[in-house]
Amino acid sequence: MKQLFITLNDGNKIPQFGTGVFQVPDGKETLEVVKNALTLGIRHIDTAHAYQNERSVGQAVKESGIDRKEIWITTKLWPNEYGEGVTSKAIDKMLERLGTNYIDLLLLHQQFGDYIGAWKDMEKAVKDGKVKSIGLSNFESNRLEEVLNIAKIYPSVLQVECHPYYQQKELKKRVEKYGTVIESWYPIGHGDKGLIQEPLFTQLAKKYNKTNVQIILRWHIQEGNIIFPRTMNPVHMKENLDIFDFELTPEEMNSIRKIDSGKRFFTMTLEEQEKNLGAWKPED
């Protein structure tokens, strides 16, 4: 596949298109998804401690025979791993689970707990060579600025819900001066039929002989978003990759920008999220 990279604010180059393993069971399923992705030429795998499949991700990377330096691994710390001293130990355990001596991108998964202490330990991990880049996930409240105000290393990415119905224009403005790039989960709106079947996407799909999903993914690429659509189906994975042989015009990009309606598909409040987080902790 044609590999596109984005240069982050720390100088590291991240593959713009990857594969996510959220809700992919540990073991055979994760091994198969990651190996299929790597075989197709994908070089960015997004996992997390909370997904409970880091060991299988690491195993698949090792068994692929591909040079570790060619594969970008993103993973995330859970709030019970936040805090000075606590986070450093959690990173060491994460490296052990992944079976690697460094992590390409490490994120704070949720905006709860001692995220300030965790950020300080993550900065230390960068200096120690255990982590290349650091960033945030789901920090959209004023807690984002709390981290930015104390950061000696600014977040390289901010991973949030982002799709044509919720394009995160204001959030992008908030992080623009820090050089922080948006990573999208739910890049096709959690598979929402209303979004996917938008007449505009149907029209463009017909013009370019593509699917509506391919048009949406191509829009993300041209917007500069980092994406990692999740699928366990190798056919769909291959289809998702077939977006590098055409380009949407500036007028078409603007037409898609106009359908931003501020509609989110993840609607849980901060209070509800915090309550749910407190009831569960990932295993080592």
C-alpha atoms as a PDB file:
ATOM      1  CA  MET A   1       0.000   0.000   0.000  1.00  0.00           C
ATOM      2  CA  LYS A   2       0.988   3.619  -0.434  1.00  0.00           C
ATOM      3  CA  GLN A   3       2.177   4.721   2.992  1.00  0.00           C
ATOM      4  CA  LEU A   4       1.372   8.275   4.111  1.00  0.00           C
ATOM      5  CA  PHE A   5       3.056   9.784   7.166  1.00  0.00           C
ATOM      6  CA  ILE A   6       2.385  12.821   9.323  1.00  0.00           C
ATOM      7  CA  THR A   7       5.310  14.533  11.023  1.00  0.00           C
ATOM      8  CA  LEU A   8       4.392  15.141  14.652  1.00  0.00           C
ATOM      9  CA  ASN A   9       5.408  18.143  16.754  1.00  0.00           C
ATOM     10  CA  ASP A  10       8.296  16.106  18.202  1.00  0.00           C
ATOM     11  CA  GLY A  11       9.684  15.263  14.750  1.00  0.00           C
ATOM     12  CA  ASN A  12       8.547  11.636  14.733  1.00  0.00           C
ATOM     13  CA  LYS A  13       6.683  10.403  11.649  1.00  0.00           C
ATOM     14  CA  ILE A  14       3.476   8.464  12.286  1.00  0.00           C
ATOM     15  CA  PRO A  15       1.692   6.376   9.628  1.00  0.00           C
ATOM     16  CA  GLN A  16      -1.568   8.232   8.968  1.00  0.00           C
ATOM     17  CA  PHE A  17      -3.564   5.064   8.301  1.00  0.00           C
ATOM     18  CA  GLY A  18      -3.615   2.243  10.828  1.00  0.00           C
ATOM     19  CA  THR A  19      -5.740  -0.507  12.314  1.00  0.00           C
ATOM     20  CA  GLY A  20      -7.407  -0.462  15.712  1.00  0.00           C
ATOM     21  CA  VAL A  21      -8.012  -3.520  17.899  1.00  0.00           C
ATOM     22  CA  PHE A  22     -10.664  -2.094  20.247  1.00  0.00           C
ATOM     23  CA  GLN A  23     -13.075  -4.924  21.231  1.00  0.00           C
ATOM     24  CA  VAL A  24     -10.987  -7.515  19.383  1.00  0.00           C
ATOM     25  CA  PRO A  25     -10.578 -10.521  21.732  1.00  0.00           C
ATOM     26  CA  ASP A  26      -7.088 -11.347  22.944  1.00  0.00           C
ATOM     27  CA  GLY A  27      -5.438 -14.383  21.434  1.00  0.00           C
ATOM     28  CA  LYS A  28      -6.252 -15.842  18.029  1.00  0.00           C
ATOM     29  CA  GLU A  29      -8.536 -12.994  16.913  1.00  0.00           C
ATOM     30  CA  THR A  30      -6.081 -10.199  17.691  1.00  0.00           C
ATOM     31  CA  LEU A  31      -3.183 -12.162  16.211  1.00  0.00           C
ATOM     32  CA  GLU A  32      -5.153 -12.650  13.002  1.00  0.00           C
ATOM     33  CA  VAL A  33      -6.261  -9.003  12.706  1.00  0.00           C
ATOM     34  CA  VAL A  34      -2.768  -7.613  13.279  1.00  0.00           C
ATOM     35  CA  LYS A  35      -1.103 -10.130  10.961  1.00  0.00           C
ATOM     36  CA  ASN A  36      -3.659  -9.417   8.212  1.00  0.00           C
ATOM     37  CA  ALA A  37      -3.049  -5.695   8.605  1.00  0.00           C
ATOM     38  CA  LEU A  38       0.708  -6.061   8.426  1.00  0.00           C
ATOM     39  CA  THR A  39       0.437  -8.349   5.391  1.00  0.00           C
ATOM     40  CA  LEU A  40      -1.625  -5.682   3.608  1.00  0.00           C
ATOM     41  CA  GLY A  41       1.074  -3.111   4.319  1.00  0.00           C
ATOM     42  CA  ILE A  42      -0.468  -1.341   7.318  1.00  0.00           C
ATOM     43  CA  ARG A  43       2.255  -0.255   9.738  1.00  0.00           C
ATOM     44  CA  HIS A  44       0.268   1.390  12.555  1.00  0.00           C
ATOM     45  CA  ILE A  45      -1.512  -0.660  15.245  1.00  0.00           C
ATOM     46  CA  ASP A  46      -3.642   1.066  17.908  1.00  0.00           C
ATOM     47  CA  THR A  47      -4.245  -0.821  21.155  1.00  0.00           C
ATOM     48  CA  ALA A  48      -4.593  -0.036  24.893  1.00  0.00           C
ATOM     49  CA  HIS A  49      -4.190  -1.681  28.279  1.00  0.00           C
ATOM     50  CA  ALA A  50      -7.979  -1.465  28.614  1.00  0.00           C
ATOM     51  CA  TYR A  51      -8.422  -3.537  25.449  1.00  0.00           C
ATOM     52  CA  GLN A  52      -6.627  -6.441  27.178  1.00  0.00           C
ATOM     53  CA  ASN A  53      -4.922  -7.565  23.956  1.00  0.00           C
ATOM     54  CA  GLU A  54      -1.481  -5.912  24.116  1.00  0.00           C
ATOM     55  CA  ARG A  55       0.281  -9.270  24.499  1.00  0.00           C
ATOM     56  CA  SER A  56      -1.271 -10.556  21.284  1.00  0.00           C
ATOM     57  CA  VAL A  57      -0.425  -7.337  19.446  1.00  0.00           C
ATOM     58  CA  GLY A  58       3.200  -7.691  20.501  1.00  0.00           C
ATOM     59  CA  GLN A  59       3.251 -11.360  19.569  1.00  0.00           C
ATOM     60  CA  ALA A  60       1.817 -10.646  16.103  1.00  0.00           C
ATOM     61  CA  VAL A  61       4.394  -7.930  15.493  1.00  0.00           C
ATOM     62  CA  LYS A  62       7.221 -10.276  16.494  1.00  0.00           C
ATOM     63  CA  GLU A  63       5.905 -13.183  14.428  1.00  0.00           C
ATOM     64  CA  SER A  64       5.427 -10.981  11.356  1.00  0.00           C
ATOM     65  CA  GLY A  65       9.169 -10.907  10.730  1.00  0.00           C
ATOM     66  CA  ILE A  66       8.921  -7.217   9.896  1.00  0.00           C
ATOM     67  CA  ASP A  67      11.588  -4.958  11.378  1.00  0.00           C
ATOM     68  CA  ARG A  68      10.168  -3.481  14.606  1.00  0.00           C
ATOM     69  CA  LYS A  69      11.317  -0.025  13.485  1.00  0.00           C
ATOM     70  CA  GLU A  70       8.879  -0.198  10.566  1.00  0.00           C
ATOM     71  CA  ILE A  71       5.827  -0.770  12.785  1.00  0.00           C
ATOM     72  CA  TRP A  72       4.209   1.985  14.831  1.00  0.00           C
ATOM     73  CA  ILE A  73       2.555   0.783  18.045  1.00  0.00           C
ATOM     74  CA  THR A  74       0.147   3.076  19.872  1.00  0.00           C
ATOM     75  CA  THR A  75      -1.162   2.094  23.294  1.00  0.00           C
ATOM     76  CA  LYS A  76      -2.864   3.787  26.240  1.00  0.00           C
ATOM     77  CA  LEU A  77      -2.649   3.928  30.023  1.00  0.00           C
ATOM     78  CA  TRP A  78      -5.778   3.481  32.154  1.00  0.00           C
ATOM     79  CA  PRO A  79      -6.553   6.021  34.964  1.00  0.00           C
ATOM     80  CA  ASN A  80      -5.662   3.567  37.743  1.00  0.00           C
ATOM     81  CA  GLU A  81      -2.112   3.709  36.304  1.00  0.00           C
ATOM     82  CA  TYR A  82      -1.850   7.506  36.633  1.00  0.00           C
ATOM     83  CA  GLY A  83       0.450   9.263  39.089  1.00  0.00           C
ATOM     84  CA  GLU A  84       4.138  10.045  39.557  1.00  0.00           C
ATOM     85  CA  GLY A  85       5.971   6.797  40.190  1.00  0.00           C
ATOM     86  CA  VAL A  86       2.822   4.763  39.501  1.00  0.00           C
ATOM     87  CA  THR A  87       2.855   5.553  35.779  1.00  0.00           C
ATOM     88  CA  SER A  88       6.550   4.734  35.384  1.00  0.00           C
ATOM     89  CA  LYS A  89       5.933   1.238  36.761  1.00  0.00           C
ATOM     90  CA  ALA A  90       2.862   0.860  34.535  1.00  0.00           C
ATOM     91  CA  ILE A  91       4.937   1.737  31.469  1.00  0.00           C
ATOM     92  CA  ASP A  92       7.474  -0.951  32.343  1.00  0.00           C
ATOM     93  CA  LYS A  93       4.658  -3.505  32.645  1.00  0.00           C
ATOM     94  CA  MET A  94       3.254  -2.314  29.314  1.00  0.00           C
ATOM     95  CA  LEU A  95       6.619  -2.823  27.610  1.00  0.00           C
ATOM     96  CA  GLU A  96       6.705  -6.334  29.064  1.00  0.00           C
ATOM     97  CA  ARG A  97       3.190  -7.133  27.806  1.00  0.00           C
ATOM     98  CA  LEU A  98       4.010  -5.864  24.316  1.00  0.00           C
ATOM     99  CA  GLY A  99       7.376  -7.609  24.274  1.00  0.00           C
ATOM    100  CA  THR A 100       9.176  -4.526  23.012  1.00  0.00           C
ATOM    101  CA  ASN A 101      11.769  -2.154  24.445  1.00  0.00           C
ATOM    102  CA  TYR A 102       9.972   1.001  23.351  1.00  0.00           C
ATOM    103  CA  ILE A 103       6.476   2.293  22.580  1.00  0.00           C
ATOM    104  CA  ASP A 104       5.996   4.547  19.573  1.00  0.00           C
ATOM    105  CA  LEU A 105       3.037   6.486  20.973  1.00  0.00           C
ATOM    106  CA  LEU A 106       1.700   6.388  24.520  1.00  0.00           C
ATOM    107  CA  LEU A 107      -1.586   8.078  25.423  1.00  0.00           C
ATOM    108  CA  LEU A 108      -3.510   8.835  28.592  1.00  0.00           C
ATOM    109  CA  HIS A 109      -6.737   6.995  27.815  1.00  0.00           C
ATOM    110  CA  GLN A 110      -9.219   9.046  29.854  1.00  0.00           C
ATOM    111  CA  GLN A 111      -9.338  12.463  31.518  1.00  0.00           C
ATOM    112  CA  PHE A 112      -9.671  11.211  35.106  1.00  0.00           C
ATOM    113  CA  GLY A 113      -7.352  10.490  38.021  1.00  0.00           C
ATOM    114  CA  ASP A 114      -3.889  11.964  38.504  1.00  0.00           C
ATOM    115  CA  TYR A 115      -3.289  12.776  34.851  1.00  0.00           C
ATOM    116  CA  ILE A 116      -0.831  15.534  35.767  1.00  0.00           C
ATOM    117  CA  GLY A 117       1.424  13.116  37.631  1.00  0.00           C
ATOM    118  CA  ALA A 118       1.035  10.614  34.812  1.00  0.00           C
ATOM    119  CA  TRP A 119       2.062  13.195  32.211  1.00  0.00           C
ATOM    120  CA  LYS A 120       5.240  13.962  34.144  1.00  0.00           C
ATOM    121  CA  ASP A 121       6.148  10.258  34.203  1.00  0.00           C
ATOM    122  CA  MET A 122       5.406   9.985  30.480  1.00  0.00           C
ATOM    123  CA  GLU A 123       7.783  12.874  29.779  1.00  0.00           C
ATOM    124  CA  LYS A 124      10.410  11.033  31.810  1.00  0.00           C
ATOM    125  CA  ALA A 125       9.772   7.886  29.751  1.00  0.00           C
ATOM    126  CA  VAL A 126      10.482   9.865  26.577  1.00  0.00           C
ATOM    127  CA  LYS A 127      13.784  11.072  28.007  1.00  0.00           C
ATOM    128  CA  ASP A 128      14.639   7.509  29.058  1.00  0.00           C
ATOM    129  CA  GLY A 129      13.974   6.195  25.539  1.00  0.00           C
ATOM    130  CA  LYS A 130      11.081   3.975  26.582  1.00  0.00           C
ATOM    131  CA  VAL A 131       8.529   6.017  24.615  1.00  0.00           C
ATOM    132  CA  LYS A 132       8.946   8.007  21.407  1.00  0.00           C
ATOM    133  CA  SER A 133       5.832  10.211  21.419  1.00  0.00           C
ATOM    134  CA  ILE A 134       3.160  11.002  24.008  1.00  0.00           C
ATOM    135  CA  GLY A 135      -0.378  12.273  23.722  1.00  0.00           C
ATOM    136  CA  LEU A 136      -3.898  12.284  25.064  1.00  0.00           C
ATOM    137  CA  SER A 137      -7.147  10.453  24.400  1.00  0.00           C
ATOM    138  CA  ASN A 138     -10.622  11.830  25.165  1.00  0.00           C
ATOM    139  CA  PHE A 139      -9.362  15.040  26.775  1.00  0.00           C
ATOM    140  CA  GLU A 140     -11.946  17.551  25.529  1.00  0.00           C
ATOM    141  CA  SER A 141     -12.870  19.457  28.708  1.00  0.00           C
ATOM    142  CA  ASN A 142     -10.739  22.151  30.367  1.00  0.00           C
ATOM    143  CA  ARG A 143      -8.600  19.264  31.663  1.00  0.00           C
ATOM    144  CA  LEU A 144      -6.922  19.415  28.273  1.00  0.00           C
ATOM    145  CA  GLU A 145      -5.603  22.883  29.092  1.00  0.00           C
ATOM    146  CA  GLU A 146      -4.534  21.693  32.547  1.00  0.00           C
ATOM    147  CA  VAL A 147      -2.137  19.268  30.889  1.00  0.00           C
ATOM    148  CA  LEU A 148      -1.022  21.747  28.239  1.00  0.00           C
ATOM    149  CA  ASN A 149      -0.204  24.343  30.908  1.00  0.00           C
ATOM    150  CA  ILE A 150       2.227  22.066  32.772  1.00  0.00           C
ATOM    151  CA  ALA A 151       3.594  20.138  29.810  1.00  0.00           C
ATOM    152  CA  LYS A 152       7.288  20.340  28.999  1.00  0.00           C
ATOM    153  CA  ILE A 153       6.561  18.072  26.040  1.00  0.00           C
ATOM    154  CA  TYR A 154       3.302  18.993  24.306  1.00  0.00           C
ATOM    155  CA  PRO A 155       0.924  16.200  23.295  1.00  0.00           C
ATOM    156  CA  SER A 156       1.774  15.017  19.797  1.00  0.00           C
ATOM    157  CA  VAL A 157      -1.750  13.717  19.206  1.00  0.00           C
ATOM    158  CA  LEU A 158      -5.219  14.007  20.699  1.00  0.00           C
ATOM    159  CA  GLN A 159      -7.362  10.944  20.022  1.00  0.00           C
ATOM    160  CA  VAL A 160     -11.097  11.717  20.026  1.00  0.00           C
ATOM    161  CA  GLU A 161     -14.366  10.961  18.282  1.00  0.00           C
ATOM    162  CA  CYS A 162     -14.148  12.599  14.865  1.00  0.00           C
ATOM    163  CA  HIS A 163     -16.135  12.053  11.668  1.00  0.00           C
ATOM    164  CA  PRO A 164     -18.019  14.186   9.096  1.00  0.00           C
ATOM    165  CA  TYR A 165     -20.924  14.765  11.500  1.00  0.00           C
ATOM    166  CA  TYR A 166     -18.544  15.777  14.323  1.00  0.00           C
ATOM    167  CA  GLN A 167     -15.443  17.281  12.756  1.00  0.00           C
ATOM    168  CA  GLN A 168     -13.852  18.709  15.932  1.00  0.00           C
ATOM    169  CA  LYS A 169     -13.181  22.118  14.359  1.00  0.00           C
ATOM    170  CA  GLU A 170     -13.105  23.977  17.687  1.00  0.00           C
ATOM    171  CA  LEU A 171     -10.924  21.349  19.336  1.00  0.00           C
ATOM    172  CA  LYS A 172      -8.469  21.606  16.460  1.00  0.00           C
ATOM    173  CA  LYS A 173      -8.260  25.357  17.044  1.00  0.00           C
ATOM    174  CA  ARG A 174      -7.540  24.789  20.752  1.00  0.00           C
ATOM    175  CA  VAL A 175      -4.522  22.579  20.044  1.00  0.00           C
ATOM    176  CA  GLU A 176      -3.302  24.151  16.806  1.00  0.00           C
ATOM    177  CA  LYS A 177      -0.571  26.300  18.376  1.00  0.00           C
ATOM    178  CA  TYR A 178       0.863  23.229  20.119  1.00  0.00           C
ATOM    179  CA  GLY A 179       1.166  21.299  16.854  1.00  0.00           C
ATOM    180  CA  THR A 180      -1.088  18.553  18.219  1.00  0.00           C
ATOM    181  CA  VAL A 181      -2.697  16.345  15.557  1.00  0.00           C
ATOM    182  CA  ILE A 182      -6.181  14.836  15.787  1.00  0.00           C
ATOM    183  CA  GLU A 183      -6.537  11.058  15.740  1.00  0.00           C
ATOM    184  CA  SER A 184     -10.019   9.792  15.030  1.00  0.00           C
ATOM    185  CA  TRP A 185     -11.841   6.948  16.679  1.00  0.00           C
ATOM    186  CA  TYR A 186     -15.307   6.334  15.188  1.00  0.00           C
ATOM    187  CA  PRO A 187     -13.958   7.644  11.839  1.00  0.00           C
ATOM    188  CA  ILE A 188     -17.140   6.461  10.123  1.00  0.00           C
ATOM    189  CA  GLY A 189     -19.415   7.432  13.009  1.00  0.00           C
ATOM    190  CA  HIS A 190     -19.593   4.018  14.659  1.00  0.00           C
ATOM    191  CA  GLY A 191     -20.966   2.646  11.390  1.00  0.00           C
ATOM    192  CA  ASP A 192     -24.038   4.897  11.536  1.00  0.00           C
ATOM    193  CA  LYS A 193     -26.169   4.252   8.438  1.00  0.00           C
ATOM    194  CA  GLY A 194     -27.396   7.837   8.322  1.00  0.00           C
ATOM    195  CA  LEU A 195     -23.834   9.123   8.062  1.00  0.00           C
ATOM    196  CA  ILE A 196     -22.582   6.469   5.663  1.00  0.00           C
ATOM    197  CA  GLN A 197     -25.604   6.822   3.381  1.00  0.00           C
ATOM    198  CA  GLU A 198     -25.436  10.614   3.155  1.00  0.00           C
ATOM    199  CA  PRO A 199     -26.460  11.542  -0.430  1.00  0.00           C
ATOM    200  CA  LEU A 200     -23.223  13.507  -0.841  1.00  0.00           C
ATOM    201  CA  PHE A 201     -21.117  10.412  -0.159  1.00  0.00           C
ATOM    202  CA  THR A 202     -23.285   8.335  -2.485  1.00  0.00           C
ATOM    203  CA  GLN A 203     -22.795  10.925  -5.222  1.00  0.00           C
ATOM    204  CA  LEU A 204     -19.025  11.038  -4.744  1.00  0.00           C
ATOM    205  CA  ALA A 205     -18.782   7.259  -4.498  1.00  0.00           C
ATOM    206  CA  LYS A 206     -20.463   6.958  -7.884  1.00  0.00           C
ATOM    207  CA  LYS A 207     -18.126   9.572  -9.398  1.00  0.00           C
ATOM    208  CA  TYR A 208     -14.932   7.892  -8.173  1.00  0.00           C
ATOM    209  CA  ASN A 209     -16.192   4.284  -8.362  1.00  0.00           C
ATOM    210  CA  LYS A 210     -15.664   3.873  -4.618  1.00  0.00           C
ATOM    211  CA  THR A 211     -17.825   2.970  -1.619  1.00  0.00           C
ATOM    212  CA  ASN A 212     -19.339   5.601   0.671  1.00  0.00           C
ATOM    213  CA  VAL A 213     -17.020   4.442   3.466  1.00  0.00           C
ATOM    214  CA  GLN A 214     -13.994   4.900   1.211  1.00  0.00           C
ATOM    215  CA  ILE A 215     -15.102   8.471   0.485  1.00  0.00           C
ATOM    216  CA  ILE A 216     -15.339   9.202   4.232  1.00  0.00           C
ATOM    217  CA  LEU A 217     -11.914   7.699   4.922  1.00  0.00           C
ATOM    218  CA  ARG A 218     -10.414   9.669   2.035  1.00  0.00           C
ATOM    219  CA  TRP A 219     -11.902  12.860   3.506  1.00  0.00           C
ATOM    220  CA  HIS A 220     -10.147  12.107   6.807  1.00  0.00           C
ATOM    221  CA  ILE A 221      -6.818  11.608   5.036  1.00  0.00           C
ATOM    222  CA  GLN A 222      -7.083  14.923   3.187  1.00  0.00           C
ATOM    223  CA  GLU A 223      -8.179  16.689   6.394  1.00  0.00           C
ATOM    224  CA  GLY A 224      -4.947  15.532   8.025  1.00  0.00           C
ATOM    225  CA  ASN A 225      -6.621  13.272  10.591  1.00  0.00           C
ATOM    226  CA  ILE A 226      -4.908  10.059  11.669  1.00  0.00           C
ATOM    227  CA  ILE A 227      -7.306   7.121  11.314  1.00  0.00           C
ATOM    228  CA  PHE A 228      -7.373   3.440  12.274  1.00  0.00           C
ATOM    229  CA  PRO A 229     -10.749   1.958  11.287  1.00  0.00           C
ATOM    230  CA  ARG A 230     -11.443  -1.260  13.169  1.00  0.00           C
ATOM    231  CA  THR A 231     -12.510  -4.381  11.319  1.00  0.00           C
ATOM    232  CA  MET A 232     -11.933  -8.086  11.835  1.00  0.00           C
ATOM    233  CA  ASN A 233     -12.911  -8.785   8.229  1.00  0.00           C
ATOM    234  CA  PRO A 234      -9.833  -8.952   5.951  1.00  0.00           C
ATOM    235  CA  VAL A 235     -11.960  -8.060   2.899  1.00  0.00           C
ATOM    236  CA  HIS A 236     -13.219  -4.886   4.569  1.00  0.00           C
ATOM    237  CA  MET A 237      -9.691  -4.096   5.748  1.00  0.00           C
ATOM    238  CA  LYS A 238      -8.443  -4.292   2.173  1.00  0.00           C
ATOM    239  CA  GLU A 239     -11.350  -2.127   0.966  1.00  0.00           C
ATOM    240  CA  ASN A 240     -10.568   0.488   3.624  1.00  0.00           C
ATOM    241  CA  LEU A 241      -7.055   0.748   2.215  1.00  0.00           C
ATOM    242  CA  ASP A 242      -8.230   1.328  -1.343  1.00  0.00           C
ATOM    243  CA  ILE A 243      -8.379   5.112  -0.969  1.00  0.00           C
ATOM    244  CA  PHE A 244      -5.002   6.235  -2.257  1.00  0.00           C
ATOM    245  CA  ASP A 245      -5.671   6.230  -5.999  1.00  0.00           C
ATOM    246  CA  PHE A 246      -7.990   9.257  -6.082  1.00  0.00           C
ATOM    247  CA  GLU A 247      -8.309  12.683  -4.484  1.00  0.00           C
ATOM    248  CA  LEU A 248     -11.346  14.755  -3.533  1.00  0.00           C
ATOM    249  CA  THR A 249     -11.379  18.250  -5.002  1.00  0.00           C
ATOM    250  CA  PRO A 250     -11.241  21.348  -2.746  1.00  0.00           C
ATOM    251  CA  GLU A 251     -14.907  21.970  -3.570  1.00  0.00           C
ATOM    252  CA  GLU A 252     -15.853  18.429  -2.559  1.00  0.00           C
ATOM    253  CA  MET A 253     -13.883  18.738   0.672  1.00  0.00           C
ATOM    254  CA  ASN A 254     -15.755  21.946   1.478  1.00  0.00           C
ATOM    255  CA  SER A 255     -19.090  20.282   0.740  1.00  0.00           C
ATOM    256  CA  ILE A 256     -18.262  17.567   3.279  1.00  0.00           C
ATOM    257  CA  ARG A 257     -17.173  20.173   5.838  1.00  0.00           C
ATOM    258  CA  LYS A 258     -20.645  21.746   5.550  1.00  0.00           C
ATOM    259  CA  ILE A 259     -22.437  18.611   6.765  1.00  0.00           C
ATOM    260  CA  ASP A 260     -20.835  18.941  10.212  1.00  0.00           C
ATOM    261  CA  SER A 261     -23.872  18.877  12.522  1.00  0.00           C
ATOM    262  CA  GLY A 262     -22.184  18.522  15.912  1.00  0.00           C
ATOM    263  CA  LYS A 263     -23.682  15.042  16.264  1.00  0.00           C
ATOM    264  CA  ARG A 264     -21.786  12.668  18.528  1.00  0.00           C
ATOM    265  CA  PHE A 265     -22.347   8.936  18.773  1.00  0.00           C
ATOM    266  CA  PHE A 266     -20.668   8.609  22.173  1.00  0.00           C
ATOM    267  CA  THR A 267     -22.952  10.612  24.451  1.00  0.00           C
ATOM    268  CA  MET A 268     -21.981   9.572  27.992  1.00  0.00           C
ATOM    269  CA  THR A 269     -21.470  12.535  30.334  1.00  0.00           C
ATOM    270  CA  LEU A 270     -18.234  13.122  32.243  1.00  0.00           C
ATOM    271  CA  GLU A 271     -19.967  12.060  35.456  1.00  0.00           C
ATOM    272  CA  GLU A 272     -21.218   8.836  33.880  1.00  0.00           C
ATOM    273  CA  GLN A 273     -17.794   8.100  32.424  1.00  0.00           C
ATOM    274  CA  GLU A 274     -16.057   8.586  35.759  1.00  0.00           C
ATOM    275  CA  LYS A 275     -18.567   6.336  37.525  1.00  0.00           C
ATOM    276  CA  ASN A 276     -18.007   3.583  34.969  1.00  0.00           C
ATOM    277  CA  LEU A 277     -14.220   3.936  35.134  1.00  0.00           C
ATOM    278  CA  GLY A 278     -14.226   3.514  38.877  1.00  0.00           C
ATOM    279  CA  ALA A 279     -16.027   0.197  38.583  1.00  0.00           C
ATOM    280  CA  TRP A 280     -13.399  -1.489  36.403  1.00  0.00           C
ATOM    281  CA  LYS A 281      -9.648  -1.869  36.281  1.00  0.00           C
ATOM    282  CA  PRO A 282      -7.686  -3.705  33.575  1.00  0.00           C
ATOM    283  CA  GLU A 283      -5.656  -6.703  34.639  1.00  0.00           C
ATOM    284  CA  ASP A 284      -1.851  -6.772  34.435  1.00  0.00           C
END
